[in-house]
Amino acid sequence: MSADSSILDAARSSEASGADAMRREFLTFRLGGEHYGIDILMVQEIRELDRVTRVPHVAPYVRGVINLRGAIVPVVDLGLLFGFPEPLPLEKASAIVLNVDRRMVGLVVAGVSDVVALAEHEILDPPDLGERAIGRAISGIGTRREAGGEEGAASLLLLDVQHLMRRVREERE
C-alpha cells in the first residue's frame, strides 16, 4: 500500500467513526509554492502518473487521458488551469482523481501532503479575487492554529470542486 493510499484510508476511517462530526476533512496538496485543500469526499484516489495519452486539439491545461481500470479519465494540470506559466513535470507529479456526479478527472499537482480536519470557524470566506480562474475556484481559506495557539501560521486555499469540474467540462464540450 502506498503512502498516498494510506492517507485516504485513514481519512475515511476517521470519518466513518463519526469522530468530530462538526469538522470537514480536506486532502491537502502543493502547487506553485502554496498549499491547497480539496474536500476529501470528492477524492476517489491518489496516483502517480505513469502513462498519459496525449489528445490533440484540447485545452492547453488538459495533459491527456489515463485508463483507470477501464474508465478513460482526463488529466488536467491544475497549475495551467490556474494560469501558471509552466506545466508540471508529469514524472514528478501526483494525480488526485476526483469523482463528481459519476464524472472523473485527474488533477495534476506537485505533491499530496496530508488530510486536515477543519471546523466551520476555521474556514473563512474567500476574498474577492476578481474573475481570474483561480479567484473563482477558491471556496474559502482554511486557517489553523499552531501548537502554541498562534493563528495564521498555516493557511489553505480551499478549492470549489464543482467549479473546477464545470470549467473542465466547458472546455471539453
N, C-alpha and C. Protein backbone atom coordinates (compact mmCIF):
# COMPACT_ATOMS: atom_id res chain seq x y z
N MET A 1 0.85 -1.18 0.00
CA MET A 1 0.00 0.00 0.00
C MET A 1 0.89 1.23 0.00
N SER A 2 0.60 2.21 -0.86
CA SER A 2 1.41 3.41 -0.93
C SER A 2 1.04 4.38 0.18
N ALA A 3 1.91 5.35 0.42
CA ALA A 3 1.66 6.35 1.45
C ALA A 3 0.43 7.17 1.09
N ASP A 4 0.24 7.45 -0.23
CA ASP A 4 -0.93 8.21 -0.66
C ASP A 4 -2.21 7.46 -0.35
N SER A 5 -2.24 6.16 -0.57
CA SER A 5 -3.43 5.37 -0.28
C SER A 5 -3.71 5.35 1.21
N SER A 6 -2.67 5.29 2.02
CA SER A 6 -2.89 5.26 3.46
C SER A 6 -3.46 6.58 3.97
N ILE A 7 -3.14 7.70 3.33
CA ILE A 7 -3.72 9.00 3.70
C ILE A 7 -5.23 8.94 3.51
N LEU A 8 -5.67 8.45 2.36
CA LEU A 8 -7.11 8.37 2.09
C LEU A 8 -7.79 7.38 3.02
N ASP A 9 -7.17 6.23 3.25
CA ASP A 9 -7.77 5.22 4.12
C ASP A 9 -7.95 5.75 5.53
N ALA A 10 -6.96 6.44 6.06
CA ALA A 10 -7.05 6.99 7.41
C ALA A 10 -8.15 8.04 7.50
N ALA A 11 -8.27 8.86 6.48
CA ALA A 11 -9.31 9.89 6.48
C ALA A 11 -10.70 9.27 6.44
N ARG A 12 -10.87 8.26 5.63
CA ARG A 12 -12.18 7.64 5.52
C ARG A 12 -12.56 6.89 6.79
N SER A 13 -11.60 6.27 7.46
CA SER A 13 -11.93 5.53 8.68
C SER A 13 -12.29 6.49 9.81
N SER A 14 -11.63 7.64 9.91
CA SER A 14 -12.00 8.59 10.96
C SER A 14 -13.35 9.20 10.68
N GLU A 15 -13.66 9.38 9.40
CA GLU A 15 -14.97 9.92 9.04
C GLU A 15 -16.07 8.92 9.34
N ALA A 16 -15.82 7.66 9.04
CA ALA A 16 -16.81 6.62 9.27
C ALA A 16 -17.12 6.46 10.75
N SER A 17 -16.15 6.72 11.63
CA SER A 17 -16.37 6.56 13.05
C SER A 17 -17.21 7.69 13.63
N GLY A 18 -17.44 8.75 12.82
CA GLY A 18 -18.26 9.86 13.29
C GLY A 18 -17.51 10.78 14.24
N ALA A 19 -16.21 10.59 14.36
CA ALA A 19 -15.43 11.42 15.26
C ALA A 19 -15.46 12.86 14.79
N ASP A 20 -15.83 13.73 15.71
CA ASP A 20 -15.83 15.17 15.45
C ASP A 20 -16.65 15.52 14.20
N ALA A 21 -17.93 15.27 14.27
CA ALA A 21 -18.83 15.45 13.13
C ALA A 21 -18.92 16.89 12.64
N MET A 22 -18.48 17.85 13.44
CA MET A 22 -18.59 19.26 13.05
C MET A 22 -17.39 19.72 12.22
N ARG A 23 -16.51 18.82 11.89
CA ARG A 23 -15.33 19.18 11.12
C ARG A 23 -15.46 18.62 9.71
N ARG A 24 -14.85 19.35 8.76
CA ARG A 24 -14.78 18.87 7.38
C ARG A 24 -13.34 18.50 7.09
N GLU A 25 -13.16 17.44 6.31
CA GLU A 25 -11.82 16.98 6.00
C GLU A 25 -11.44 17.36 4.58
N PHE A 26 -10.18 17.79 4.44
CA PHE A 26 -9.65 18.22 3.16
C PHE A 26 -8.34 17.51 2.89
N LEU A 27 -8.19 17.01 1.67
CA LEU A 27 -6.91 16.49 1.22
C LEU A 27 -6.08 17.71 0.82
N THR A 28 -4.88 17.82 1.38
CA THR A 28 -4.05 18.98 1.08
C THR A 28 -2.95 18.60 0.10
N PHE A 29 -2.59 19.57 -0.72
CA PHE A 29 -1.56 19.35 -1.73
C PHE A 29 -0.84 20.65 -2.02
N ARG A 30 0.30 20.51 -2.69
CA ARG A 30 1.12 21.66 -3.04
C ARG A 30 1.01 21.96 -4.53
N LEU A 31 1.07 23.25 -4.81
CA LEU A 31 1.04 23.71 -6.19
C LEU A 31 1.58 25.13 -6.21
N GLY A 32 2.64 25.36 -6.97
CA GLY A 32 3.20 26.71 -7.10
C GLY A 32 3.62 27.32 -5.78
N GLY A 33 4.12 26.54 -4.85
CA GLY A 33 4.59 27.06 -3.59
C GLY A 33 3.51 27.31 -2.55
N GLU A 34 2.26 27.05 -2.88
CA GLU A 34 1.16 27.25 -1.94
C GLU A 34 0.53 25.91 -1.58
N HIS A 35 -0.23 25.92 -0.50
CA HIS A 35 -0.95 24.72 -0.06
C HIS A 35 -2.44 24.91 -0.34
N TYR A 36 -3.04 23.89 -0.91
CA TYR A 36 -4.44 23.90 -1.27
C TYR A 36 -5.13 22.75 -0.57
N GLY A 37 -6.45 22.84 -0.46
CA GLY A 37 -7.23 21.75 0.11
C GLY A 37 -8.42 21.46 -0.77
N ILE A 38 -8.78 20.19 -0.84
CA ILE A 38 -9.92 19.76 -1.63
C ILE A 38 -10.74 18.79 -0.78
N ASP A 39 -12.05 18.92 -0.81
CA ASP A 39 -12.94 18.10 0.01
C ASP A 39 -12.63 16.62 -0.20
N ILE A 40 -12.30 15.93 0.87
CA ILE A 40 -11.89 14.53 0.78
C ILE A 40 -13.00 13.65 0.21
N LEU A 41 -14.25 14.05 0.38
CA LEU A 41 -15.37 13.24 -0.12
C LEU A 41 -15.43 13.20 -1.65
N MET A 42 -14.75 14.13 -2.30
CA MET A 42 -14.74 14.17 -3.76
C MET A 42 -13.59 13.35 -4.35
N VAL A 43 -12.66 12.93 -3.51
CA VAL A 43 -11.45 12.25 -3.97
C VAL A 43 -11.70 10.75 -4.07
N GLN A 44 -11.46 10.22 -5.25
CA GLN A 44 -11.57 8.77 -5.43
C GLN A 44 -10.26 8.08 -5.10
N GLU A 45 -9.15 8.65 -5.59
CA GLU A 45 -7.85 8.07 -5.30
C GLU A 45 -6.76 9.05 -5.66
N ILE A 46 -5.56 8.71 -5.19
CA ILE A 46 -4.35 9.47 -5.50
C ILE A 46 -3.42 8.50 -6.20
N ARG A 47 -2.83 8.96 -7.29
CA ARG A 47 -1.96 8.04 -8.03
C ARG A 47 -0.80 8.77 -8.68
N GLU A 48 0.22 7.99 -8.97
CA GLU A 48 1.32 8.51 -9.76
C GLU A 48 0.89 8.45 -11.23
N LEU A 49 1.49 9.30 -12.02
CA LEU A 49 1.17 9.33 -13.44
C LEU A 49 2.25 8.60 -14.21
N ASP A 50 1.95 7.38 -14.62
CA ASP A 50 2.96 6.64 -15.36
C ASP A 50 2.73 6.74 -16.87
N ARG A 51 1.52 6.60 -17.31
CA ARG A 51 1.23 6.70 -18.75
C ARG A 51 0.06 7.65 -18.99
N VAL A 52 0.36 8.75 -19.63
CA VAL A 52 -0.68 9.71 -20.02
C VAL A 52 -0.69 9.74 -21.53
N THR A 53 -1.85 9.48 -22.11
CA THR A 53 -2.01 9.51 -23.56
C THR A 53 -2.41 10.92 -23.97
N ARG A 54 -1.59 11.54 -24.80
CA ARG A 54 -1.89 12.90 -25.26
C ARG A 54 -3.07 12.87 -26.23
N VAL A 55 -3.86 13.93 -26.18
CA VAL A 55 -5.02 14.07 -27.06
C VAL A 55 -4.87 15.39 -27.81
N PRO A 56 -4.96 15.36 -29.13
CA PRO A 56 -4.79 16.62 -29.88
C PRO A 56 -6.00 17.54 -29.76
N HIS A 57 -5.76 18.82 -29.94
CA HIS A 57 -6.79 19.85 -30.03
C HIS A 57 -7.67 19.94 -28.78
N VAL A 58 -7.04 19.89 -27.60
CA VAL A 58 -7.77 20.10 -26.36
C VAL A 58 -7.21 21.35 -25.70
N ALA A 59 -7.86 21.79 -24.64
CA ALA A 59 -7.37 22.96 -23.91
C ALA A 59 -5.94 22.73 -23.45
N PRO A 60 -5.14 23.78 -23.38
CA PRO A 60 -3.72 23.62 -23.03
C PRO A 60 -3.49 22.96 -21.67
N TYR A 61 -4.42 23.10 -20.74
CA TYR A 61 -4.24 22.51 -19.42
C TYR A 61 -4.63 21.03 -19.35
N VAL A 62 -5.23 20.50 -20.40
CA VAL A 62 -5.54 19.07 -20.45
C VAL A 62 -4.31 18.36 -20.98
N ARG A 63 -3.65 17.61 -20.10
CA ARG A 63 -2.39 16.97 -20.45
C ARG A 63 -2.60 15.67 -21.21
N GLY A 64 -3.83 15.15 -21.20
CA GLY A 64 -4.14 13.90 -21.88
C GLY A 64 -5.16 13.12 -21.10
N VAL A 65 -5.14 11.80 -21.29
CA VAL A 65 -6.08 10.92 -20.59
C VAL A 65 -5.31 9.71 -20.04
N ILE A 66 -5.89 9.09 -19.02
CA ILE A 66 -5.37 7.84 -18.49
C ILE A 66 -6.49 6.81 -18.49
N ASN A 67 -6.10 5.55 -18.53
CA ASN A 67 -7.05 4.46 -18.43
C ASN A 67 -7.02 3.99 -16.98
N LEU A 68 -8.10 4.25 -16.27
CA LEU A 68 -8.20 3.90 -14.86
C LEU A 68 -9.17 2.74 -14.71
N ARG A 69 -8.62 1.54 -14.76
CA ARG A 69 -9.42 0.31 -14.66
C ARG A 69 -10.62 0.33 -15.62
N GLY A 70 -10.35 0.70 -16.86
CA GLY A 70 -11.37 0.69 -17.90
C GLY A 70 -12.10 2.00 -18.10
N ALA A 71 -11.92 2.96 -17.22
CA ALA A 71 -12.54 4.28 -17.38
C ALA A 71 -11.49 5.25 -17.92
N ILE A 72 -11.83 5.97 -18.97
CA ILE A 72 -10.93 6.96 -19.55
C ILE A 72 -11.13 8.28 -18.79
N VAL A 73 -10.05 8.76 -18.17
CA VAL A 73 -10.10 9.91 -17.28
C VAL A 73 -9.23 11.02 -17.83
N PRO A 74 -9.80 12.22 -18.06
CA PRO A 74 -8.97 13.33 -18.49
C PRO A 74 -8.03 13.76 -17.37
N VAL A 75 -6.82 14.16 -17.74
CA VAL A 75 -5.80 14.60 -16.78
C VAL A 75 -5.58 16.09 -16.99
N VAL A 76 -5.86 16.87 -15.95
CA VAL A 76 -5.80 18.33 -16.02
C VAL A 76 -4.68 18.83 -15.14
N ASP A 77 -3.80 19.64 -15.71
CA ASP A 77 -2.73 20.28 -14.96
C ASP A 77 -3.34 21.48 -14.24
N LEU A 78 -3.51 21.35 -12.94
CA LEU A 78 -4.19 22.39 -12.17
C LEU A 78 -3.45 23.72 -12.24
N GLY A 79 -2.12 23.67 -12.29
CA GLY A 79 -1.34 24.90 -12.41
C GLY A 79 -1.64 25.64 -13.70
N LEU A 80 -1.68 24.92 -14.81
CA LEU A 80 -2.00 25.55 -16.10
C LEU A 80 -3.44 26.07 -16.11
N LEU A 81 -4.35 25.33 -15.49
CA LEU A 81 -5.75 25.79 -15.40
C LEU A 81 -5.82 27.12 -14.65
N PHE A 82 -4.97 27.27 -13.64
CA PHE A 82 -4.95 28.50 -12.85
C PHE A 82 -4.12 29.60 -13.48
N GLY A 83 -3.48 29.33 -14.62
CA GLY A 83 -2.73 30.37 -15.31
C GLY A 83 -1.25 30.40 -14.99
N PHE A 84 -0.72 29.37 -14.31
CA PHE A 84 0.71 29.31 -14.07
C PHE A 84 1.41 29.15 -15.41
N PRO A 85 2.62 29.71 -15.57
CA PRO A 85 3.25 29.72 -16.89
C PRO A 85 3.79 28.37 -17.37
N GLU A 86 4.21 27.50 -16.46
CA GLU A 86 4.87 26.25 -16.87
C GLU A 86 4.07 25.03 -16.42
N PRO A 87 4.02 24.00 -17.26
CA PRO A 87 3.35 22.77 -16.83
C PRO A 87 4.19 22.03 -15.80
N LEU A 88 3.52 21.25 -14.97
CA LEU A 88 4.24 20.42 -14.01
C LEU A 88 4.85 19.22 -14.72
N PRO A 89 6.07 18.84 -14.38
CA PRO A 89 6.64 17.62 -14.97
C PRO A 89 5.85 16.41 -14.47
N LEU A 90 5.27 15.66 -15.39
CA LEU A 90 4.39 14.55 -15.01
C LEU A 90 5.12 13.47 -14.22
N GLU A 91 6.40 13.26 -14.51
CA GLU A 91 7.13 12.19 -13.81
C GLU A 91 7.37 12.52 -12.34
N LYS A 92 7.22 13.78 -11.94
CA LYS A 92 7.42 14.18 -10.55
C LYS A 92 6.11 14.55 -9.87
N ALA A 93 5.00 14.49 -10.58
CA ALA A 93 3.72 14.96 -10.06
C ALA A 93 2.86 13.80 -9.55
N SER A 94 1.81 14.17 -8.85
CA SER A 94 0.78 13.23 -8.41
C SER A 94 -0.52 13.63 -9.08
N ALA A 95 -1.43 12.68 -9.19
CA ALA A 95 -2.77 12.98 -9.71
C ALA A 95 -3.79 12.68 -8.63
N ILE A 96 -4.63 13.65 -8.36
CA ILE A 96 -5.76 13.46 -7.46
C ILE A 96 -6.96 13.18 -8.36
N VAL A 97 -7.47 11.97 -8.30
CA VAL A 97 -8.61 11.60 -9.15
C VAL A 97 -9.89 11.93 -8.39
N LEU A 98 -10.66 12.83 -8.97
CA LEU A 98 -11.94 13.24 -8.39
C LEU A 98 -13.06 12.48 -9.08
N ASN A 99 -14.10 12.21 -8.33
CA ASN A 99 -15.30 11.58 -8.89
C ASN A 99 -16.48 12.41 -8.42
N VAL A 100 -17.02 13.21 -9.34
CA VAL A 100 -18.13 14.11 -9.02
C VAL A 100 -19.26 13.81 -9.98
N ASP A 101 -20.40 13.44 -9.45
CA ASP A 101 -21.57 13.11 -10.28
C ASP A 101 -21.22 12.08 -11.35
N ARG A 102 -20.47 11.08 -10.95
CA ARG A 102 -20.05 9.97 -11.81
C ARG A 102 -19.17 10.42 -12.97
N ARG A 103 -18.58 11.58 -12.86
CA ARG A 103 -17.60 12.04 -13.84
C ARG A 103 -16.27 12.13 -13.13
N MET A 104 -15.24 11.60 -13.76
CA MET A 104 -13.92 11.60 -13.14
C MET A 104 -12.98 12.53 -13.89
N VAL A 105 -12.07 13.09 -13.14
CA VAL A 105 -10.99 13.90 -13.70
C VAL A 105 -9.79 13.75 -12.78
N GLY A 106 -8.60 13.70 -13.38
CA GLY A 106 -7.37 13.65 -12.60
C GLY A 106 -6.73 15.02 -12.57
N LEU A 107 -6.48 15.54 -11.39
CA LEU A 107 -5.82 16.84 -11.23
C LEU A 107 -4.35 16.62 -10.97
N VAL A 108 -3.50 17.18 -11.82
CA VAL A 108 -2.06 17.07 -11.66
C VAL A 108 -1.62 18.15 -10.66
N VAL A 109 -0.94 17.70 -9.58
CA VAL A 109 -0.45 18.61 -8.55
C VAL A 109 1.01 18.26 -8.25
N ALA A 110 1.72 19.20 -7.62
CA ALA A 110 3.14 18.97 -7.33
C ALA A 110 3.34 17.86 -6.32
N GLY A 111 2.45 17.73 -5.36
CA GLY A 111 2.57 16.67 -4.36
C GLY A 111 1.42 16.72 -3.38
N VAL A 112 1.03 15.56 -2.89
CA VAL A 112 -0.05 15.46 -1.91
C VAL A 112 0.59 15.49 -0.53
N SER A 113 -0.03 16.23 0.39
CA SER A 113 0.56 16.41 1.71
C SER A 113 -0.10 15.56 2.79
N ASP A 114 -1.36 15.84 3.10
CA ASP A 114 -1.98 15.27 4.29
C ASP A 114 -3.49 15.45 4.18
N VAL A 115 -4.20 14.92 5.18
CA VAL A 115 -5.63 15.20 5.33
C VAL A 115 -5.77 16.06 6.57
N VAL A 116 -6.49 17.17 6.43
CA VAL A 116 -6.67 18.13 7.51
C VAL A 116 -8.16 18.26 7.80
N ALA A 117 -8.52 18.20 9.09
CA ALA A 117 -9.90 18.41 9.52
C ALA A 117 -10.03 19.84 10.01
N LEU A 118 -11.01 20.56 9.47
CA LEU A 118 -11.24 21.96 9.86
C LEU A 118 -12.65 22.13 10.37
N ALA A 119 -12.78 22.85 11.48
CA ALA A 119 -14.10 23.22 12.00
C ALA A 119 -14.61 24.40 11.17
N GLU A 120 -15.91 24.60 11.20
CA GLU A 120 -16.50 25.69 10.41
C GLU A 120 -15.87 27.05 10.74
N HIS A 121 -15.55 27.30 12.01
CA HIS A 121 -14.96 28.60 12.37
C HIS A 121 -13.52 28.75 11.86
N GLU A 122 -12.91 27.66 11.39
CA GLU A 122 -11.57 27.72 10.83
C GLU A 122 -11.58 27.92 9.32
N ILE A 123 -12.78 28.02 8.74
CA ILE A 123 -12.92 28.24 7.30
C ILE A 123 -13.49 29.63 7.07
N LEU A 124 -12.68 30.49 6.49
CA LEU A 124 -13.07 31.87 6.24
C LEU A 124 -13.57 32.02 4.81
N ASP A 125 -14.44 33.00 4.61
CA ASP A 125 -14.93 33.28 3.26
C ASP A 125 -13.75 33.72 2.39
N PRO A 126 -13.81 33.38 1.10
CA PRO A 126 -12.70 33.80 0.22
C PRO A 126 -12.76 35.30 -0.04
N PRO A 127 -11.62 35.92 -0.23
CA PRO A 127 -11.62 37.34 -0.61
C PRO A 127 -12.08 37.47 -2.06
N ASP A 128 -12.48 38.67 -2.44
CA ASP A 128 -12.85 38.92 -3.82
C ASP A 128 -11.56 39.02 -4.63
N LEU A 129 -11.33 37.99 -5.44
CA LEU A 129 -10.09 37.94 -6.23
C LEU A 129 -10.33 38.21 -7.71
N GLY A 130 -11.50 38.71 -8.03
CA GLY A 130 -11.79 39.04 -9.42
C GLY A 130 -12.24 37.84 -10.22
N GLU A 131 -12.13 37.96 -11.51
CA GLU A 131 -12.68 36.96 -12.41
C GLU A 131 -11.65 35.98 -12.96
N ARG A 132 -10.45 36.01 -12.45
CA ARG A 132 -9.44 35.05 -12.92
C ARG A 132 -9.83 33.65 -12.49
N ALA A 133 -9.30 32.66 -13.20
CA ALA A 133 -9.68 31.27 -12.96
C ALA A 133 -9.49 30.86 -11.51
N ILE A 134 -8.37 31.22 -10.92
CA ILE A 134 -8.12 30.78 -9.56
C ILE A 134 -9.03 31.50 -8.56
N GLY A 135 -9.36 32.75 -8.83
CA GLY A 135 -10.22 33.50 -7.92
C GLY A 135 -11.59 32.88 -7.77
N ARG A 136 -12.15 32.44 -8.86
CA ARG A 136 -13.49 31.83 -8.83
C ARG A 136 -13.45 30.40 -8.29
N ALA A 137 -12.29 29.77 -8.30
CA ALA A 137 -12.18 28.38 -7.87
C ALA A 137 -11.97 28.24 -6.36
N ILE A 138 -11.69 29.33 -5.66
CA ILE A 138 -11.44 29.26 -4.22
C ILE A 138 -12.76 29.42 -3.48
N SER A 139 -13.09 28.41 -2.68
CA SER A 139 -14.35 28.46 -1.92
C SER A 139 -14.16 28.98 -0.51
N GLY A 140 -12.93 29.02 -0.03
CA GLY A 140 -12.66 29.52 1.31
C GLY A 140 -11.18 29.43 1.63
N ILE A 141 -10.83 29.97 2.78
CA ILE A 141 -9.46 29.91 3.27
C ILE A 141 -9.49 29.17 4.60
N GLY A 142 -8.79 28.07 4.65
CA GLY A 142 -8.71 27.31 5.90
C GLY A 142 -7.59 27.84 6.75
N THR A 143 -7.89 28.10 8.02
CA THR A 143 -6.87 28.59 8.95
C THR A 143 -6.77 27.62 10.11
N ARG A 144 -5.55 27.43 10.57
CA ARG A 144 -5.34 26.56 11.73
C ARG A 144 -4.42 27.25 12.70
N ARG A 145 -4.60 26.92 13.95
CA ARG A 145 -3.70 27.45 14.98
C ARG A 145 -2.49 26.54 15.08
N GLU A 146 -1.37 27.15 15.36
CA GLU A 146 -0.15 26.39 15.61
C GLU A 146 -0.24 25.75 17.00
N ALA A 147 0.67 24.85 17.29
CA ALA A 147 0.67 24.15 18.58
C ALA A 147 0.68 25.13 19.76
N GLY A 148 1.34 26.26 19.62
CA GLY A 148 1.42 27.25 20.69
C GLY A 148 0.20 28.15 20.77
N GLY A 149 -0.80 27.92 19.91
CA GLY A 149 -2.01 28.72 19.94
C GLY A 149 -2.01 29.92 19.01
N GLU A 150 -0.90 30.12 18.28
CA GLU A 150 -0.84 31.25 17.37
C GLU A 150 -1.60 30.94 16.09
N GLU A 151 -2.41 31.89 15.66
CA GLU A 151 -3.20 31.69 14.45
C GLU A 151 -2.49 32.28 13.25
N GLY A 152 -2.79 31.77 12.07
CA GLY A 152 -2.30 32.35 10.85
C GLY A 152 -1.05 31.72 10.29
N ALA A 153 -0.44 30.81 11.01
CA ALA A 153 0.81 30.22 10.53
C ALA A 153 0.57 29.26 9.37
N ALA A 154 -0.60 28.65 9.31
CA ALA A 154 -0.87 27.69 8.25
C ALA A 154 -2.23 28.00 7.63
N SER A 155 -2.23 28.39 6.36
CA SER A 155 -3.48 28.66 5.65
C SER A 155 -3.57 27.77 4.43
N LEU A 156 -4.78 27.36 4.12
CA LEU A 156 -5.04 26.53 2.94
C LEU A 156 -6.02 27.24 2.04
N LEU A 157 -5.74 27.25 0.76
CA LEU A 157 -6.71 27.74 -0.21
C LEU A 157 -7.63 26.56 -0.52
N LEU A 158 -8.89 26.64 -0.11
CA LEU A 158 -9.84 25.55 -0.29
C LEU A 158 -10.53 25.71 -1.64
N LEU A 159 -10.50 24.65 -2.43
CA LEU A 159 -10.99 24.74 -3.79
C LEU A 159 -12.43 24.26 -3.92
N ASP A 160 -13.15 24.91 -4.80
CA ASP A 160 -14.53 24.56 -5.14
C ASP A 160 -14.48 23.52 -6.26
N VAL A 161 -14.66 22.26 -5.90
CA VAL A 161 -14.55 21.17 -6.86
C VAL A 161 -15.60 21.29 -7.96
N GLN A 162 -16.81 21.68 -7.62
CA GLN A 162 -17.86 21.83 -8.63
C GLN A 162 -17.46 22.85 -9.68
N HIS A 163 -16.86 23.96 -9.24
CA HIS A 163 -16.40 24.98 -10.20
C HIS A 163 -15.31 24.41 -11.11
N LEU A 164 -14.35 23.70 -10.53
CA LEU A 164 -13.29 23.10 -11.34
C LEU A 164 -13.86 22.14 -12.37
N MET A 165 -14.80 21.30 -11.95
CA MET A 165 -15.39 20.33 -12.88
C MET A 165 -16.16 21.04 -14.00
N ARG A 166 -16.90 22.09 -13.66
CA ARG A 166 -17.62 22.86 -14.69
C ARG A 166 -16.63 23.46 -15.68
N ARG A 167 -15.55 24.01 -15.18
CA ARG A 167 -14.55 24.63 -16.05
C ARG A 167 -13.94 23.62 -17.02
N VAL A 168 -13.63 22.45 -16.53
CA VAL A 168 -13.06 21.40 -17.40
C VAL A 168 -14.10 20.94 -18.41
N ARG A 169 -15.34 20.76 -17.97
CA ARG A 169 -16.41 20.33 -18.89
C ARG A 169 -16.66 21.36 -19.99
N GLU A 170 -16.67 22.64 -19.64
CA GLU A 170 -16.92 23.70 -20.62
C GLU A 170 -15.90 23.64 -21.74
N GLU A 171 -14.66 23.41 -21.42
CA GLU A 171 -13.62 23.36 -22.42
C GLU A 171 -13.71 22.10 -23.28
N ARG A 172 -14.27 21.02 -22.72
CA ARG A 172 -14.32 19.75 -23.45
C ARG A 172 -15.53 19.67 -24.36
N GLU A 173 -16.58 20.41 -24.07
CA GLU A 173 -17.82 20.27 -24.85
C GLU A 173 -17.89 21.26 -25.99
